[in-house]
Amino acid sequence: MSTRADAFASSPLCSDEELLARIRNRDEASALALFKRYNKLAYSVGCRILQDAGEAEDLAQEIFFHLCSEVETFDSAKGSARTWIIQMIYRRAIDRRAYLRRRHFYRGTEAEERTNTIAGTKGQEDDLIARLTVQQLRTAFNELSDRQRDTLEAFFFEGLKFPEIAERFGEDVKNIRHHYYRGLERLRKLAHQMMPGRKFDQ
């Protein structure tokens, strides 16, 4: 039987930060609420990076066990809980892809070429989102135009595809692609300035 506290945890009025604080106190209802809030995004990111629906499902489950074990590392002074969670999703997905490739999971499958491309220079946008610090990512996104920022946030932070983004903003897909690639180019340049030792260029 649900308690009033459980109902609050599942309410959209309960912020991500509040849920993380409750998870620190071993509140299972809050952990479940956060899982439901981000499961779709975790699965979407997993499908794109891992190119395997089963692995994406497993990743979505595993991420939230990891999140609960790492909740003490969240620092609200460094950025929002949402950005912290999203970056964790990307990091775990990229690490899982590397693990699967080392064990030849993709060898001889149709996904092999796709994962090689995604893991190569043309797929480094996922690595960019994962490896910048929360503060750096926030600073970089603030340097983009409004439409570039909205497009990249919808793609990376909500897992939407170009047609879905176009429908949301009432633009055609061609314009959305333009906003995406121009914004991504700008984001790479900013990332290079912030982290000169890493390569984010195409």
N, C-alpha and C. Protein backbone atom coordinates (compact mmCIF):
# COMPACT_ATOMS: atom_id res chain seq x y z
N MET A 1 0.85 -1.19 0.00
CA MET A 1 0.00 0.00 0.00
C MET A 1 0.89 1.24 0.00
N SER A 2 0.64 2.17 -0.92
CA SER A 2 1.49 3.34 -1.04
C SER A 2 1.28 4.30 0.12
N THR A 3 2.34 4.89 0.57
CA THR A 3 2.27 5.90 1.61
C THR A 3 2.25 7.27 0.96
N ARG A 4 2.01 8.30 1.76
CA ARG A 4 2.03 9.66 1.24
C ARG A 4 3.42 10.02 0.72
N ALA A 5 4.47 9.51 1.38
CA ALA A 5 5.84 9.76 0.93
C ALA A 5 6.10 9.13 -0.42
N ASP A 6 5.55 7.91 -0.62
CA ASP A 6 5.70 7.23 -1.90
C ASP A 6 5.03 8.03 -3.01
N ALA A 7 3.84 8.56 -2.72
CA ALA A 7 3.11 9.34 -3.71
C ALA A 7 3.88 10.60 -4.07
N PHE A 8 4.52 11.23 -3.08
CA PHE A 8 5.30 12.43 -3.35
C PHE A 8 6.49 12.11 -4.24
N ALA A 9 7.14 10.98 -3.99
CA ALA A 9 8.32 10.60 -4.77
C ALA A 9 7.96 10.41 -6.24
N SER A 10 6.77 9.87 -6.51
CA SER A 10 6.36 9.61 -7.88
C SER A 10 5.75 10.84 -8.56
N SER A 11 5.57 11.91 -7.81
CA SER A 11 4.97 13.12 -8.37
C SER A 11 5.99 13.90 -9.19
N PRO A 12 5.56 14.50 -10.32
CA PRO A 12 6.47 15.35 -11.10
C PRO A 12 6.92 16.58 -10.33
N LEU A 13 6.22 16.89 -9.22
CA LEU A 13 6.61 18.04 -8.40
C LEU A 13 7.86 17.75 -7.59
N CYS A 14 8.21 16.47 -7.45
CA CYS A 14 9.41 16.08 -6.71
C CYS A 14 10.60 16.18 -7.67
N SER A 15 11.55 17.05 -7.38
CA SER A 15 12.67 17.27 -8.28
C SER A 15 13.65 16.10 -8.25
N ASP A 16 14.50 16.05 -9.26
CA ASP A 16 15.55 15.03 -9.29
C ASP A 16 16.45 15.14 -8.07
N GLU A 17 16.75 16.38 -7.69
CA GLU A 17 17.61 16.59 -6.53
C GLU A 17 16.97 16.04 -5.26
N GLU A 18 15.67 16.24 -5.11
CA GLU A 18 14.96 15.70 -3.94
C GLU A 18 14.97 14.17 -3.95
N LEU A 19 14.79 13.60 -5.12
CA LEU A 19 14.82 12.14 -5.22
C LEU A 19 16.19 11.59 -4.85
N LEU A 20 17.26 12.23 -5.33
CA LEU A 20 18.61 11.77 -4.98
C LEU A 20 18.85 11.88 -3.47
N ALA A 21 18.36 12.96 -2.88
CA ALA A 21 18.52 13.12 -1.43
C ALA A 21 17.80 12.00 -0.68
N ARG A 22 16.64 11.61 -1.15
CA ARG A 22 15.88 10.55 -0.51
C ARG A 22 16.54 9.19 -0.75
N ILE A 23 17.15 9.02 -1.95
CA ILE A 23 17.86 7.77 -2.24
C ILE A 23 19.05 7.61 -1.31
N ARG A 24 19.69 8.71 -0.95
CA ARG A 24 20.79 8.65 0.02
C ARG A 24 20.34 8.01 1.33
N ASN A 25 19.06 8.20 1.64
CA ASN A 25 18.49 7.64 2.87
C ASN A 25 17.81 6.29 2.62
N ARG A 26 18.20 5.65 1.52
CA ARG A 26 17.73 4.29 1.20
C ARG A 26 16.23 4.23 0.93
N ASP A 27 15.70 5.29 0.31
CA ASP A 27 14.28 5.32 0.01
C ASP A 27 14.03 4.63 -1.33
N GLU A 28 13.42 3.44 -1.29
CA GLU A 28 13.22 2.64 -2.50
C GLU A 28 12.21 3.27 -3.45
N ALA A 29 11.19 3.93 -2.91
CA ALA A 29 10.19 4.56 -3.76
C ALA A 29 10.81 5.65 -4.61
N SER A 30 11.75 6.38 -4.05
CA SER A 30 12.42 7.44 -4.80
C SER A 30 13.32 6.86 -5.89
N ALA A 31 13.98 5.75 -5.58
CA ALA A 31 14.81 5.09 -6.59
C ALA A 31 13.95 4.61 -7.75
N LEU A 32 12.78 4.05 -7.45
CA LEU A 32 11.87 3.59 -8.49
C LEU A 32 11.35 4.76 -9.32
N ALA A 33 11.03 5.87 -8.65
CA ALA A 33 10.53 7.05 -9.35
C ALA A 33 11.57 7.61 -10.31
N LEU A 34 12.83 7.63 -9.87
CA LEU A 34 13.89 8.15 -10.72
C LEU A 34 14.13 7.21 -11.90
N PHE A 35 14.03 5.90 -11.65
CA PHE A 35 14.17 4.91 -12.73
C PHE A 35 13.09 5.14 -13.80
N LYS A 36 11.85 5.30 -13.37
CA LYS A 36 10.76 5.52 -14.32
C LYS A 36 10.96 6.83 -15.09
N ARG A 37 11.52 7.82 -14.43
CA ARG A 37 11.71 9.14 -15.05
C ARG A 37 12.77 9.09 -16.16
N TYR A 38 13.79 8.25 -15.99
CA TYR A 38 14.92 8.26 -16.94
C TYR A 38 15.10 6.95 -17.70
N ASN A 39 14.26 5.97 -17.45
CA ASN A 39 14.44 4.68 -18.11
C ASN A 39 14.35 4.78 -19.63
N LYS A 40 13.39 5.54 -20.13
CA LYS A 40 13.21 5.68 -21.58
C LYS A 40 14.45 6.31 -22.23
N LEU A 41 14.98 7.34 -21.59
CA LEU A 41 16.18 7.98 -22.12
C LEU A 41 17.36 7.04 -22.08
N ALA A 42 17.54 6.33 -20.97
CA ALA A 42 18.67 5.39 -20.86
C ALA A 42 18.58 4.32 -21.93
N TYR A 43 17.38 3.83 -22.18
CA TYR A 43 17.19 2.81 -23.22
C TYR A 43 17.49 3.38 -24.60
N SER A 44 17.02 4.60 -24.87
CA SER A 44 17.25 5.24 -26.17
C SER A 44 18.74 5.46 -26.42
N VAL A 45 19.44 5.97 -25.42
CA VAL A 45 20.89 6.17 -25.55
C VAL A 45 21.58 4.83 -25.73
N GLY A 46 21.16 3.83 -24.98
CA GLY A 46 21.75 2.50 -25.09
C GLY A 46 21.57 1.91 -26.48
N CYS A 47 20.38 2.06 -27.06
CA CYS A 47 20.14 1.55 -28.41
C CYS A 47 21.06 2.23 -29.42
N ARG A 48 21.22 3.54 -29.29
CA ARG A 48 22.04 4.26 -30.25
C ARG A 48 23.52 3.90 -30.14
N ILE A 49 24.01 3.77 -28.93
CA ILE A 49 25.43 3.52 -28.72
C ILE A 49 25.78 2.04 -28.82
N LEU A 50 24.91 1.18 -28.29
CA LEU A 50 25.21 -0.25 -28.24
C LEU A 50 24.70 -1.01 -29.45
N GLN A 51 23.73 -0.44 -30.17
CA GLN A 51 23.18 -1.08 -31.37
C GLN A 51 22.62 -2.47 -31.09
N ASP A 52 22.05 -2.64 -29.90
CA ASP A 52 21.45 -3.92 -29.53
C ASP A 52 20.38 -3.67 -28.47
N ALA A 53 19.15 -4.03 -28.78
CA ALA A 53 18.03 -3.74 -27.89
C ALA A 53 18.17 -4.45 -26.55
N GLY A 54 18.62 -5.70 -26.57
CA GLY A 54 18.77 -6.45 -25.33
C GLY A 54 19.82 -5.83 -24.42
N GLU A 55 20.94 -5.44 -25.02
CA GLU A 55 21.99 -4.79 -24.24
C GLU A 55 21.53 -3.44 -23.71
N ALA A 56 20.73 -2.73 -24.51
CA ALA A 56 20.21 -1.43 -24.07
C ALA A 56 19.29 -1.59 -22.87
N GLU A 57 18.47 -2.65 -22.87
CA GLU A 57 17.59 -2.93 -21.73
C GLU A 57 18.41 -3.22 -20.48
N ASP A 58 19.42 -4.06 -20.64
CA ASP A 58 20.28 -4.40 -19.51
C ASP A 58 20.99 -3.16 -18.99
N LEU A 59 21.44 -2.31 -19.91
CA LEU A 59 22.13 -1.09 -19.52
C LEU A 59 21.22 -0.19 -18.68
N ALA A 60 19.98 -0.03 -19.13
CA ALA A 60 19.04 0.83 -18.40
C ALA A 60 18.84 0.34 -16.98
N GLN A 61 18.76 -0.98 -16.80
CA GLN A 61 18.63 -1.54 -15.46
C GLN A 61 19.90 -1.31 -14.64
N GLU A 62 21.05 -1.60 -15.26
CA GLU A 62 22.33 -1.52 -14.56
C GLU A 62 22.66 -0.10 -14.13
N ILE A 63 22.29 0.87 -14.95
CA ILE A 63 22.62 2.26 -14.66
C ILE A 63 22.03 2.68 -13.33
N PHE A 64 20.82 2.24 -13.03
CA PHE A 64 20.19 2.72 -11.81
C PHE A 64 20.68 2.01 -10.56
N PHE A 65 21.19 0.80 -10.71
CA PHE A 65 21.89 0.19 -9.59
C PHE A 65 23.17 0.98 -9.33
N HIS A 66 23.85 1.35 -10.42
CA HIS A 66 25.09 2.13 -10.29
C HIS A 66 24.78 3.50 -9.70
N LEU A 67 23.71 4.12 -10.15
CA LEU A 67 23.34 5.44 -9.64
C LEU A 67 23.11 5.40 -8.14
N CYS A 68 22.40 4.39 -7.69
CA CYS A 68 22.13 4.30 -6.24
C CYS A 68 23.41 4.11 -5.44
N SER A 69 24.38 3.41 -6.02
CA SER A 69 25.63 3.19 -5.30
C SER A 69 26.55 4.40 -5.35
N GLU A 70 26.33 5.28 -6.35
CA GLU A 70 27.19 6.45 -6.52
C GLU A 70 26.51 7.75 -6.11
N VAL A 71 25.33 7.66 -5.51
CA VAL A 71 24.54 8.86 -5.22
C VAL A 71 25.29 9.85 -4.34
N GLU A 72 26.19 9.36 -3.49
CA GLU A 72 26.93 10.25 -2.59
C GLU A 72 27.88 11.17 -3.35
N THR A 73 28.21 10.83 -4.60
CA THR A 73 29.14 11.66 -5.36
C THR A 73 28.46 12.86 -6.01
N PHE A 74 27.12 12.89 -6.00
CA PHE A 74 26.42 14.01 -6.60
C PHE A 74 26.60 15.26 -5.75
N ASP A 75 26.98 16.36 -6.41
CA ASP A 75 27.19 17.64 -5.74
C ASP A 75 26.37 18.70 -6.45
N SER A 76 25.30 19.17 -5.83
CA SER A 76 24.41 20.13 -6.47
C SER A 76 25.10 21.46 -6.75
N ALA A 77 26.20 21.73 -6.06
CA ALA A 77 26.93 22.98 -6.31
C ALA A 77 27.62 22.97 -7.67
N LYS A 78 27.82 21.78 -8.24
CA LYS A 78 28.52 21.65 -9.51
C LYS A 78 27.58 21.58 -10.71
N GLY A 79 26.30 21.42 -10.48
CA GLY A 79 25.36 21.33 -11.59
C GLY A 79 24.10 20.58 -11.20
N SER A 80 23.18 20.50 -12.14
CA SER A 80 21.89 19.88 -11.86
C SER A 80 21.98 18.36 -11.77
N ALA A 81 21.03 17.79 -11.07
CA ALA A 81 20.95 16.33 -10.98
C ALA A 81 20.69 15.73 -12.35
N ARG A 82 19.89 16.40 -13.16
CA ARG A 82 19.56 15.90 -14.50
C ARG A 82 20.83 15.73 -15.34
N THR A 83 21.69 16.74 -15.36
CA THR A 83 22.92 16.64 -16.14
C THR A 83 23.81 15.55 -15.59
N TRP A 84 23.90 15.43 -14.28
CA TRP A 84 24.72 14.39 -13.65
C TRP A 84 24.23 13.00 -14.04
N ILE A 85 22.91 12.80 -14.03
CA ILE A 85 22.33 11.50 -14.39
C ILE A 85 22.57 11.19 -15.86
N ILE A 86 22.35 12.18 -16.72
CA ILE A 86 22.52 11.97 -18.16
C ILE A 86 23.96 11.64 -18.49
N GLN A 87 24.89 12.34 -17.87
CA GLN A 87 26.29 12.03 -18.13
C GLN A 87 26.65 10.63 -17.65
N MET A 88 26.06 10.20 -16.55
CA MET A 88 26.30 8.84 -16.08
C MET A 88 25.79 7.83 -17.10
N ILE A 89 24.62 8.09 -17.68
CA ILE A 89 24.05 7.20 -18.69
C ILE A 89 25.01 7.07 -19.87
N TYR A 90 25.52 8.20 -20.36
CA TYR A 90 26.43 8.16 -21.50
C TYR A 90 27.74 7.45 -21.16
N ARG A 91 28.28 7.73 -19.99
CA ARG A 91 29.54 7.08 -19.61
C ARG A 91 29.38 5.56 -19.52
N ARG A 92 28.31 5.12 -18.89
CA ARG A 92 28.10 3.69 -18.74
C ARG A 92 27.86 3.03 -20.10
N ALA A 93 27.14 3.71 -20.99
CA ALA A 93 26.89 3.15 -22.31
C ALA A 93 28.18 3.03 -23.12
N ILE A 94 29.01 4.06 -23.07
CA ILE A 94 30.28 4.04 -23.81
C ILE A 94 31.21 2.98 -23.24
N ASP A 95 31.25 2.87 -21.91
CA ASP A 95 32.09 1.83 -21.29
C ASP A 95 31.58 0.43 -21.65
N ARG A 96 30.25 0.27 -21.70
CA ARG A 96 29.69 -1.03 -22.04
C ARG A 96 30.00 -1.39 -23.49
N ARG A 97 29.92 -0.41 -24.38
CA ARG A 97 30.26 -0.67 -25.78
C ARG A 97 31.71 -1.12 -25.92
N ALA A 98 32.61 -0.46 -25.21
CA ALA A 98 34.02 -0.83 -25.26
C ALA A 98 34.21 -2.26 -24.74
N TYR A 99 33.50 -2.61 -23.68
CA TYR A 99 33.58 -3.96 -23.11
C TYR A 99 33.10 -5.00 -24.13
N LEU A 100 31.99 -4.72 -24.77
CA LEU A 100 31.44 -5.66 -25.75
C LEU A 100 32.35 -5.81 -26.96
N ARG A 101 32.95 -4.72 -27.38
CA ARG A 101 33.84 -4.81 -28.55
C ARG A 101 35.11 -5.59 -28.21
N ARG A 102 35.62 -5.44 -27.00
CA ARG A 102 36.80 -6.20 -26.59
C ARG A 102 36.51 -7.70 -26.60
N ARG A 103 35.27 -8.06 -26.35
CA ARG A 103 34.89 -9.47 -26.31
C ARG A 103 34.24 -9.92 -27.62
N HIS A 104 34.41 -9.11 -28.67
CA HIS A 104 33.97 -9.46 -30.03
C HIS A 104 32.47 -9.75 -30.10
N PHE A 105 31.72 -9.04 -29.28
CA PHE A 105 30.27 -9.23 -29.26
C PHE A 105 29.65 -8.93 -30.62
N TYR A 106 30.20 -7.94 -31.34
CA TYR A 106 29.61 -7.50 -32.59
C TYR A 106 30.18 -8.22 -33.82
N ARG A 107 31.21 -9.01 -33.65
CA ARG A 107 31.90 -9.59 -34.80
C ARG A 107 30.96 -10.44 -35.63
N GLY A 108 30.98 -10.16 -36.95
CA GLY A 108 30.17 -10.94 -37.87
C GLY A 108 28.71 -10.56 -37.90
N THR A 109 28.32 -9.48 -37.20
CA THR A 109 26.93 -9.05 -37.18
C THR A 109 26.77 -7.75 -37.97
N GLU A 110 25.52 -7.41 -38.29
CA GLU A 110 25.26 -6.17 -39.00
C GLU A 110 25.62 -4.95 -38.15
N ALA A 111 25.61 -5.13 -36.84
CA ALA A 111 25.91 -4.01 -35.94
C ALA A 111 27.39 -3.69 -35.89
N GLU A 112 28.25 -4.60 -36.39
CA GLU A 112 29.69 -4.39 -36.26
C GLU A 112 30.14 -3.08 -36.93
N GLU A 113 29.72 -2.88 -38.18
CA GLU A 113 30.12 -1.66 -38.89
C GLU A 113 29.53 -0.43 -38.23
N ARG A 114 28.28 -0.52 -37.78
CA ARG A 114 27.66 0.64 -37.15
C ARG A 114 28.37 1.02 -35.86
N THR A 115 28.72 0.05 -35.03
CA THR A 115 29.40 0.36 -33.77
C THR A 115 30.82 0.85 -34.02
N ASN A 116 31.46 0.36 -35.08
CA ASN A 116 32.78 0.86 -35.43
C ASN A 116 32.71 2.34 -35.80
N THR A 117 31.65 2.70 -36.54
CA THR A 117 31.46 4.10 -36.93
C THR A 117 31.15 4.95 -35.72
N ILE A 118 30.23 4.46 -34.87
CA ILE A 118 29.83 5.22 -33.68
C ILE A 118 31.01 5.40 -32.73
N ALA A 119 31.83 4.36 -32.60
CA ALA A 119 32.97 4.44 -31.69
C ALA A 119 34.13 5.23 -32.28
N GLY A 120 34.09 5.47 -33.60
CA GLY A 120 35.17 6.19 -34.27
C GLY A 120 34.96 7.68 -34.24
N THR A 121 35.63 8.37 -35.10
CA THR A 121 35.65 9.83 -35.06
C THR A 121 34.28 10.44 -35.31
N LYS A 122 33.40 9.77 -36.08
CA LYS A 122 32.10 10.34 -36.38
C LYS A 122 31.12 10.18 -35.23
N GLY A 123 31.48 9.44 -34.22
CA GLY A 123 30.57 9.24 -33.11
C GLY A 123 31.05 9.86 -31.81
N GLN A 124 32.00 10.77 -31.90
CA GLN A 124 32.59 11.30 -30.68
C GLN A 124 31.71 12.30 -29.96
N GLU A 125 30.55 12.65 -30.53
CA GLU A 125 29.66 13.55 -29.82
C GLU A 125 29.17 12.92 -28.52
N ASP A 126 28.94 11.59 -28.53
CA ASP A 126 28.52 10.92 -27.30
C ASP A 126 29.63 10.97 -26.26
N ASP A 127 30.87 10.78 -26.70
CA ASP A 127 32.01 10.85 -25.81
C ASP A 127 32.15 12.26 -25.25
N LEU A 128 31.88 13.24 -26.08
CA LEU A 128 31.97 14.64 -25.66
C LEU A 128 31.00 14.91 -24.51
N ILE A 129 29.75 14.48 -24.66
CA ILE A 129 28.74 14.69 -23.62
C ILE A 129 29.14 13.97 -22.33
N ALA A 130 29.74 12.80 -22.48
CA ALA A 130 30.08 11.99 -21.31
C ALA A 130 31.28 12.51 -20.55
N ARG A 131 32.28 13.05 -21.25
CA ARG A 131 33.56 13.33 -20.62
C ARG A 131 33.74 14.74 -20.09
N LEU A 132 32.96 15.69 -20.61
CA LEU A 132 33.04 17.03 -20.02
C LEU A 132 32.48 16.99 -18.60
N THR A 133 33.00 17.83 -17.74
CA THR A 133 32.43 17.92 -16.40
C THR A 133 31.06 18.60 -16.50
N VAL A 134 30.27 18.49 -15.45
CA VAL A 134 28.95 19.11 -15.45
C VAL A 134 29.07 20.61 -15.67
N GLN A 135 30.05 21.26 -15.01
CA GLN A 135 30.23 22.70 -15.17
C GLN A 135 30.63 23.05 -16.58
N GLN A 136 31.54 22.26 -17.18
CA GLN A 136 31.99 22.53 -18.54
C GLN A 136 30.85 22.37 -19.54
N LEU A 137 30.05 21.33 -19.34
CA LEU A 137 28.94 21.10 -20.25
C LEU A 137 27.92 22.23 -20.16
N ARG A 138 27.64 22.67 -18.97
CA ARG A 138 26.69 23.77 -18.79
C ARG A 138 27.22 25.05 -19.44
N THR A 139 28.50 25.33 -19.24
CA THR A 139 29.11 26.52 -19.84
C THR A 139 29.08 26.45 -21.36
N ALA A 140 29.41 25.28 -21.91
CA ALA A 140 29.45 25.11 -23.35
C ALA A 140 28.06 25.28 -23.97
N PHE A 141 27.05 24.68 -23.37
CA PHE A 141 25.70 24.78 -23.91
C PHE A 141 25.19 26.22 -23.86
N ASN A 142 25.61 26.98 -22.86
CA ASN A 142 25.19 28.37 -22.75
C ASN A 142 25.77 29.25 -23.85
N GLU A 143 26.81 28.74 -24.53
CA GLU A 143 27.44 29.50 -25.60
C GLU A 143 26.76 29.26 -26.95
N LEU A 144 25.85 28.33 -27.02
CA LEU A 144 25.16 28.02 -28.27
C LEU A 144 23.98 28.97 -28.48
N SER A 145 23.51 29.05 -29.74
CA SER A 145 22.28 29.80 -29.98
C SER A 145 21.11 29.05 -29.34
N ASP A 146 20.00 29.74 -29.16
CA ASP A 146 18.85 29.11 -28.51
C ASP A 146 18.40 27.86 -29.25
N ARG A 147 18.29 27.94 -30.58
CA ARG A 147 17.81 26.79 -31.34
C ARG A 147 18.83 25.66 -31.38
N GLN A 148 20.11 25.99 -31.44
CA GLN A 148 21.14 24.95 -31.39
C GLN A 148 21.10 24.23 -30.04
N ARG A 149 20.99 25.02 -28.97
CA ARG A 149 20.94 24.42 -27.63
C ARG A 149 19.69 23.56 -27.47
N ASP A 150 18.53 24.06 -27.91
CA ASP A 150 17.29 23.29 -27.80
C ASP A 150 17.39 21.97 -28.58
N THR A 151 17.99 22.04 -29.77
CA THR A 151 18.10 20.84 -30.61
C THR A 151 19.03 19.81 -29.98
N LEU A 152 20.20 20.25 -29.52
CA LEU A 152 21.15 19.32 -28.92
C LEU A 152 20.63 18.75 -27.62
N GLU A 153 19.95 19.57 -26.82
CA GLU A 153 19.40 19.06 -25.58
C GLU A 153 18.31 18.02 -25.84
N ALA A 154 17.47 18.26 -26.85
CA ALA A 154 16.43 17.29 -27.18
C ALA A 154 17.04 15.98 -27.66
N PHE A 155 18.13 16.07 -28.43
CA PHE A 155 18.77 14.86 -28.96
C PHE A 155 19.51 14.10 -27.88
N PHE A 156 20.37 14.79 -27.13
CA PHE A 156 21.21 14.10 -26.15
C PHE A 156 20.52 13.88 -24.81
N PHE A 157 19.72 14.86 -24.36
CA PHE A 157 19.16 14.79 -23.02
C PHE A 157 17.77 14.18 -22.97
N GLU A 158 17.12 14.06 -24.13
CA GLU A 158 15.79 13.44 -24.16
C GLU A 158 15.74 12.22 -25.07
N GLY A 159 16.79 12.01 -25.86
CA GLY A 159 16.83 10.84 -26.74
C GLY A 159 15.91 10.94 -27.94
N LEU A 160 15.51 12.16 -28.32
CA LEU A 160 14.62 12.33 -29.45
C LEU A 160 15.39 12.23 -30.77
N LYS A 161 14.70 11.77 -31.81
CA LYS A 161 15.28 11.71 -33.15
C LYS A 161 14.94 12.99 -33.90
N PHE A 162 15.65 13.22 -35.01
CA PHE A 162 15.46 14.47 -35.76
C PHE A 162 14.00 14.73 -36.13
N PRO A 163 13.24 13.75 -36.66
CA PRO A 163 11.84 14.03 -36.99
C PRO A 163 11.01 14.43 -35.77
N GLU A 164 11.30 13.83 -34.62
CA GLU A 164 10.57 14.18 -33.39
C GLU A 164 10.91 15.60 -32.94
N ILE A 165 12.17 15.97 -33.09
CA ILE A 165 12.58 17.33 -32.72
C ILE A 165 11.94 18.34 -33.67
N ALA A 166 11.92 17.99 -34.95
CA ALA A 166 11.31 18.89 -35.95
C ALA A 166 9.84 19.12 -35.65
N GLU A 167 9.14 18.05 -35.27
CA GLU A 167 7.72 18.18 -34.93
C GLU A 167 7.53 19.06 -33.70
N ARG A 168 8.39 18.89 -32.71
CA ARG A 168 8.27 19.69 -31.48
C ARG A 168 8.42 21.18 -31.77
N PHE A 169 9.39 21.54 -32.61
CA PHE A 169 9.68 22.95 -32.83
C PHE A 169 9.02 23.52 -34.08
N GLY A 170 8.24 22.70 -34.78
CA GLY A 170 7.54 23.19 -35.95
C GLY A 170 8.46 23.55 -37.10
N GLU A 171 9.56 22.82 -37.26
CA GLU A 171 10.50 23.06 -38.34
C GLU A 171 10.65 21.78 -39.15
N ASP A 172 11.24 21.91 -40.35
CA ASP A 172 11.47 20.69 -41.12
C ASP A 172 12.77 20.04 -40.66
N VAL A 173 12.93 18.77 -41.00
CA VAL A 173 14.07 17.99 -40.54
C VAL A 173 15.38 18.58 -41.04
N LYS A 174 15.38 19.15 -42.23
CA LYS A 174 16.59 19.75 -42.77
C LYS A 174 17.11 20.86 -41.86
N ASN A 175 16.20 21.70 -41.37
CA ASN A 175 16.61 22.77 -40.46
C ASN A 175 17.14 22.22 -39.14
N ILE A 176 16.50 21.18 -38.65
CA ILE A 176 16.94 20.57 -37.39
C ILE A 176 18.35 19.99 -37.55
N ARG A 177 18.59 19.32 -38.68
CA ARG A 177 19.94 18.81 -38.94
C ARG A 177 20.96 19.94 -38.97
N HIS A 178 20.58 21.06 -39.56
CA HIS A 178 21.46 22.22 -39.62
C HIS A 178 21.78 22.72 -38.21
N HIS A 179 20.73 22.88 -37.39
CA HIS A 179 20.95 23.34 -36.01
C HIS A 179 21.84 22.35 -35.26
N TYR A 180 21.60 21.06 -35.49
CA TYR A 180 22.36 20.03 -34.78
C TYR A 180 23.85 20.09 -35.14
N TYR A 181 24.16 20.06 -36.41
CA TYR A 181 25.56 20.00 -36.82
C TYR A 181 26.30 21.31 -36.57
N ARG A 182 25.62 22.43 -36.73
CA ARG A 182 26.27 23.70 -36.39
C ARG A 182 26.50 23.80 -34.89
N GLY A 183 25.52 23.39 -34.11
CA GLY A 183 25.68 23.41 -32.66
C GLY A 183 26.75 22.44 -32.20
N LEU A 184 26.80 21.27 -32.82
CA LEU A 184 27.80 20.27 -32.46
C LEU A 184 29.21 20.75 -32.80
N GLU A 185 29.34 21.40 -33.94
CA GLU A 185 30.64 21.95 -34.32
C GLU A 185 31.11 22.98 -33.30
N ARG A 186 30.18 23.84 -32.89
CA ARG A 186 30.50 24.85 -31.89
C ARG A 186 30.84 24.19 -30.55
N LEU A 187 30.11 23.16 -30.19
CA LEU A 187 30.34 22.46 -28.94
C LEU A 187 31.71 21.80 -28.92
N ARG A 188 32.12 21.22 -30.04
CA ARG A 188 33.44 20.60 -30.13
C ARG A 188 34.55 21.64 -29.93
N LYS A 189 34.39 22.79 -30.55
CA LYS A 189 35.41 23.83 -30.42
C LYS A 189 35.53 24.29 -28.97
N LEU A 190 34.38 24.46 -28.32
CA LEU A 190 34.39 24.86 -26.92
C LEU A 190 35.00 23.77 -26.05
N ALA A 191 34.69 22.50 -26.36
CA ALA A 191 35.25 21.39 -25.59
C ALA A 191 36.76 21.34 -25.76
N HIS A 192 37.24 21.61 -26.97
CA HIS A 192 38.68 21.62 -27.22
C HIS A 192 39.38 22.70 -26.39
N GLN A 193 38.72 23.85 -26.25
CA GLN A 193 39.28 24.93 -25.44
C GLN A 193 39.32 24.55 -23.97
N MET A 194 38.29 23.85 -23.52
CA MET A 194 38.21 23.47 -22.12
C MET A 194 39.11 22.27 -21.79
N MET A 195 39.26 21.36 -22.77
CA MET A 195 40.05 20.14 -22.56
C MET A 195 41.01 19.98 -23.73
N PRO A 196 42.06 20.80 -23.79
CA PRO A 196 42.97 20.80 -24.95
C PRO A 196 43.69 19.48 -25.18
N GLY A 197 43.74 18.61 -24.18
CA GLY A 197 44.44 17.34 -24.36
C GLY A 197 43.60 16.28 -25.05
N ARG A 198 42.29 16.54 -25.24
CA ARG A 198 41.42 15.55 -25.88
C ARG A 198 41.04 16.02 -27.27
N LYS A 199 40.77 15.07 -28.14
CA LYS A 199 40.38 15.37 -29.52
C LYS A 199 38.89 15.16 -29.68
N PHE A 200 38.20 16.24 -30.08
CA PHE A 200 36.78 16.16 -30.31
C PHE A 200 36.44 16.54 -31.75
N ASP A 201 37.43 16.65 -32.60
CA ASP A 201 37.19 17.05 -33.98
C ASP A 201 36.79 15.86 -34.83
N GLN A 202 36.04 16.14 -35.90
CA GLN A 202 35.66 15.10 -36.82
C GLN A 202 36.85 14.74 -37.69
